[in-house]
Amino acid sequence: MSITASALSSQHCKPCEGGVAPYTGEQIRENLAALPDWQLVEGGLLIRRKYKFKDFVSAMSFLQKVGELAEAEGHHPDLHLTGYRHATVELTTHAIGGLSENDFVLAAKIDTIKA
């Protein structure tokens, strides 16, 4: 049974204070296959997606929506705005030093935001 973006986005992030193992390479590949716009980076420790907007206001509006979603889910990405209209979202589970289900759930939810 393959993982889908829809299945991921229908879930909610679970509190993680550590004590669980980061996803294995196989788990990462399975989840990432459902999220083709995201890239595995930093030696497999995080996933990243880059966006380009028409202007600063559009980029900031998107990042605000991501921030509100992240707060509602209790899982917080690193957000970057450069060149006034280039946004980057990076996800990792800091408490375990790698990727967890939460990262893929939040990535799938971010993909549903109308940019």
C-alpha atoms as a PDB file:
ATOM      1  CA  MET A   1       0.000   0.000   0.000  1.00  0.00           C
ATOM      2  CA  SER A   2       1.581   3.254  -1.061  1.00  0.00           C
ATOM      3  CA  ILE A   3       1.398   6.483   0.901  1.00  0.00           C
ATOM      4  CA  THR A   4      -0.520   9.359  -0.707  1.00  0.00           C
ATOM      5  CA  ALA A   5      -0.414  13.100  -0.174  1.00  0.00           C
ATOM      6  CA  SER A   6      -4.128  13.007   0.601  1.00  0.00           C
ATOM      7  CA  ALA A   7      -3.649  10.387   3.305  1.00  0.00           C
ATOM      8  CA  LEU A   8      -0.809  12.385   4.826  1.00  0.00           C
ATOM      9  CA  SER A   9      -2.711  15.682   4.796  1.00  0.00           C
ATOM     10  CA  SER A  10      -5.714  14.072   6.508  1.00  0.00           C
ATOM     11  CA  GLN A  11      -3.583  13.262   9.576  1.00  0.00           C
ATOM     12  CA  HIS A  12      -2.477  15.540  12.400  1.00  0.00           C
ATOM     13  CA  CYS A  13       0.979  16.023  13.849  1.00  0.00           C
ATOM     14  CA  LYS A  14       1.607  14.227  17.114  1.00  0.00           C
ATOM     15  CA  PRO A  15       3.590  15.731  19.981  1.00  0.00           C
ATOM     16  CA  CYS A  16       7.214  14.600  19.839  1.00  0.00           C
ATOM     17  CA  GLU A  17       9.574  15.222  22.732  1.00  0.00           C
ATOM     18  CA  GLY A  18      12.134  12.702  21.541  1.00  0.00           C
ATOM     19  CA  GLY A  19      12.540   9.093  22.509  1.00  0.00           C
ATOM     20  CA  VAL A  20      11.523   7.791  19.090  1.00  0.00           C
ATOM     21  CA  ALA A  21      13.826   6.852  16.245  1.00  0.00           C
ATOM     22  CA  PRO A  22      14.020   9.062  13.164  1.00  0.00           C
ATOM     23  CA  TYR A  23      12.543   7.615   9.993  1.00  0.00           C
ATOM     24  CA  THR A  24      14.665   5.098   8.137  1.00  0.00           C
ATOM     25  CA  GLY A  25      15.768   5.685   4.561  1.00  0.00           C
ATOM     26  CA  GLU A  26      12.979   3.411   3.331  1.00  0.00           C
ATOM     27  CA  GLN A  27      10.312   5.267   5.333  1.00  0.00           C
ATOM     28  CA  ILE A  28      11.627   8.577   4.008  1.00  0.00           C
ATOM     29  CA  ARG A  29      11.529   7.354   0.392  1.00  0.00           C
ATOM     30  CA  GLU A  30       7.991   6.003   0.784  1.00  0.00           C
ATOM     31  CA  ASN A  31       6.693   9.275   2.219  1.00  0.00           C
ATOM     32  CA  LEU A  32       8.670  11.522  -0.107  1.00  0.00           C
ATOM     33  CA  ALA A  33       7.224   9.694  -3.124  1.00  0.00           C
ATOM     34  CA  ALA A  34       3.849  11.209  -2.179  1.00  0.00           C
ATOM     35  CA  LEU A  35       5.350  14.723  -2.088  1.00  0.00           C
ATOM     36  CA  PRO A  36       7.201  15.207  -5.398  1.00  0.00           C
ATOM     37  CA  ASP A  37       7.864  18.942  -4.881  1.00  0.00           C
ATOM     38  CA  TRP A  38       9.869  18.320  -1.710  1.00  0.00           C
ATOM     39  CA  GLN A  39      13.568  17.431  -1.683  1.00  0.00           C
ATOM     40  CA  LEU A  40      15.564  15.435   0.820  1.00  0.00           C
ATOM     41  CA  VAL A  41      18.561  17.515   1.928  1.00  0.00           C
ATOM     42  CA  GLU A  42      21.172  17.851   4.673  1.00  0.00           C
ATOM     43  CA  GLY A  43      22.173  14.207   4.434  1.00  0.00           C
ATOM     44  CA  GLY A  44      18.602  13.030   4.920  1.00  0.00           C
ATOM     45  CA  LEU A  45      17.941  15.112   8.024  1.00  0.00           C
ATOM     46  CA  LEU A  46      15.331  17.417   6.525  1.00  0.00           C
ATOM     47  CA  ILE A  47      13.006  18.013   3.609  1.00  0.00           C
ATOM     48  CA  ARG A  48      12.832  21.297   1.722  1.00  0.00           C
ATOM     49  CA  ARG A  49      10.552  22.983  -0.763  1.00  0.00           C
ATOM     50  CA  LYS A  50      11.295  26.232  -2.570  1.00  0.00           C
ATOM     51  CA  TYR A  51       8.696  28.663  -3.875  1.00  0.00           C
ATOM     52  CA  LYS A  52       8.846  31.726  -6.123  1.00  0.00           C
ATOM     53  CA  PHE A  53       6.100  34.334  -5.854  1.00  0.00           C
ATOM     54  CA  LYS A  54       5.154  37.300  -8.005  1.00  0.00           C
ATOM     55  CA  ASP A  55       5.994  39.791  -5.255  1.00  0.00           C
ATOM     56  CA  PHE A  56       6.892  40.324  -1.604  1.00  0.00           C
ATOM     57  CA  VAL A  57       3.290  40.565  -0.403  1.00  0.00           C
ATOM     58  CA  SER A  58       2.384  37.218  -1.972  1.00  0.00           C
ATOM     59  CA  ALA A  59       5.426  35.540  -0.437  1.00  0.00           C
ATOM     60  CA  MET A  60       4.659  36.974   2.999  1.00  0.00           C
ATOM     61  CA  SER A  61       1.004  35.963   2.748  1.00  0.00           C
ATOM     62  CA  PHE A  62       2.031  32.388   1.986  1.00  0.00           C
ATOM     63  CA  LEU A  63       4.535  32.279   4.855  1.00  0.00           C
ATOM     64  CA  GLN A  64       1.884  33.653   7.221  1.00  0.00           C
ATOM     65  CA  LYS A  65      -0.484  30.839   6.205  1.00  0.00           C
ATOM     66  CA  VAL A  66       2.284  28.278   6.717  1.00  0.00           C
ATOM     67  CA  GLY A  67       2.984  29.747  10.155  1.00  0.00           C
ATOM     68  CA  GLU A  68      -0.665  29.562  11.168  1.00  0.00           C
ATOM     69  CA  LEU A  69      -0.912  25.958   9.970  1.00  0.00           C
ATOM     70  CA  ALA A  70       2.291  25.015  11.771  1.00  0.00           C
ATOM     71  CA  GLU A  71       1.060  26.547  15.014  1.00  0.00           C
ATOM     72  CA  ALA A  72      -2.265  24.702  14.728  1.00  0.00           C
ATOM     73  CA  GLU A  73      -0.399  21.418  14.158  1.00  0.00           C
ATOM     74  CA  GLY A  74       2.204  22.042  16.860  1.00  0.00           C
ATOM     75  CA  HIS A  75       5.057  21.304  14.446  1.00  0.00           C
ATOM     76  CA  HIS A  76       7.167  24.216  13.308  1.00  0.00           C
ATOM     77  CA  PRO A  77       9.231  24.445  10.103  1.00  0.00           C
ATOM     78  CA  ASP A  78      12.119  26.744   9.363  1.00  0.00           C
ATOM     79  CA  LEU A  79      10.873  29.483   7.039  1.00  0.00           C
ATOM     80  CA  HIS A  80      13.125  31.591   4.830  1.00  0.00           C
ATOM     81  CA  LEU A  81      12.384  34.593   2.628  1.00  0.00           C
ATOM     82  CA  THR A  82      15.129  35.789   0.299  1.00  0.00           C
ATOM     83  CA  GLY A  83      15.293  38.057  -2.713  1.00  0.00           C
ATOM     84  CA  TYR A  84      11.946  39.578  -1.606  1.00  0.00           C
ATOM     85  CA  ARG A  85       9.872  36.850  -3.284  1.00  0.00           C
ATOM     86  CA  HIS A  86      11.642  33.516  -2.819  1.00  0.00           C
ATOM     87  CA  ALA A  87      10.359  31.420   0.075  1.00  0.00           C
ATOM     88  CA  THR A  88      11.823  28.181   1.364  1.00  0.00           C
ATOM     89  CA  VAL A  89      10.219  25.823   3.867  1.00  0.00           C
ATOM     90  CA  GLU A  90      12.370  23.259   5.679  1.00  0.00           C
ATOM     91  CA  LEU A  91      11.025  20.497   7.889  1.00  0.00           C
ATOM     92  CA  THR A  92      12.741  18.267  10.410  1.00  0.00           C
ATOM     93  CA  THR A  93      11.876  16.957  13.847  1.00  0.00           C
ATOM     94  CA  HIS A  94      14.427  18.700  16.028  1.00  0.00           C
ATOM     95  CA  ALA A  95      13.676  16.570  19.097  1.00  0.00           C
ATOM     96  CA  ILE A  96      14.900  13.416  17.336  1.00  0.00           C
ATOM     97  CA  GLY A  97      17.518  14.928  15.043  1.00  0.00           C
ATOM     98  CA  GLY A  98      15.883  13.708  11.844  1.00  0.00           C
ATOM     99  CA  LEU A  99      12.644  13.157   9.999  1.00  0.00           C
ATOM    100  CA  SER A 100       9.403  11.829  11.448  1.00  0.00           C
ATOM    101  CA  GLU A 101       5.838  11.328  10.309  1.00  0.00           C
ATOM    102  CA  ASN A 102       5.080  14.891  11.442  1.00  0.00           C
ATOM    103  CA  ASP A 103       7.378  16.340   8.785  1.00  0.00           C
ATOM    104  CA  PHE A 104       5.575  14.578   5.966  1.00  0.00           C
ATOM    105  CA  VAL A 105       2.120  15.310   7.387  1.00  0.00           C
ATOM    106  CA  LEU A 106       2.917  19.018   7.637  1.00  0.00           C
ATOM    107  CA  ALA A 107       4.530  19.068   4.174  1.00  0.00           C
ATOM    108  CA  ALA A 108       1.368  17.544   2.688  1.00  0.00           C
ATOM    109  CA  LYS A 109      -0.766  20.112   4.502  1.00  0.00           C
ATOM    110  CA  ILE A 110       1.478  22.954   3.295  1.00  0.00           C
ATOM    111  CA  ASP A 111       1.012  21.669  -0.252  1.00  0.00           C
ATOM    112  CA  THR A 112      -2.724  22.369   0.097  1.00  0.00           C
ATOM    113  CA  ILE A 113      -2.178  26.077   0.813  1.00  0.00           C
ATOM    114  CA  LYS A 114      -3.151  28.227  -2.128  1.00  0.00           C
ATOM    115  CA  ALA A 115      -0.012  30.234  -2.852  1.00  0.00           C
END
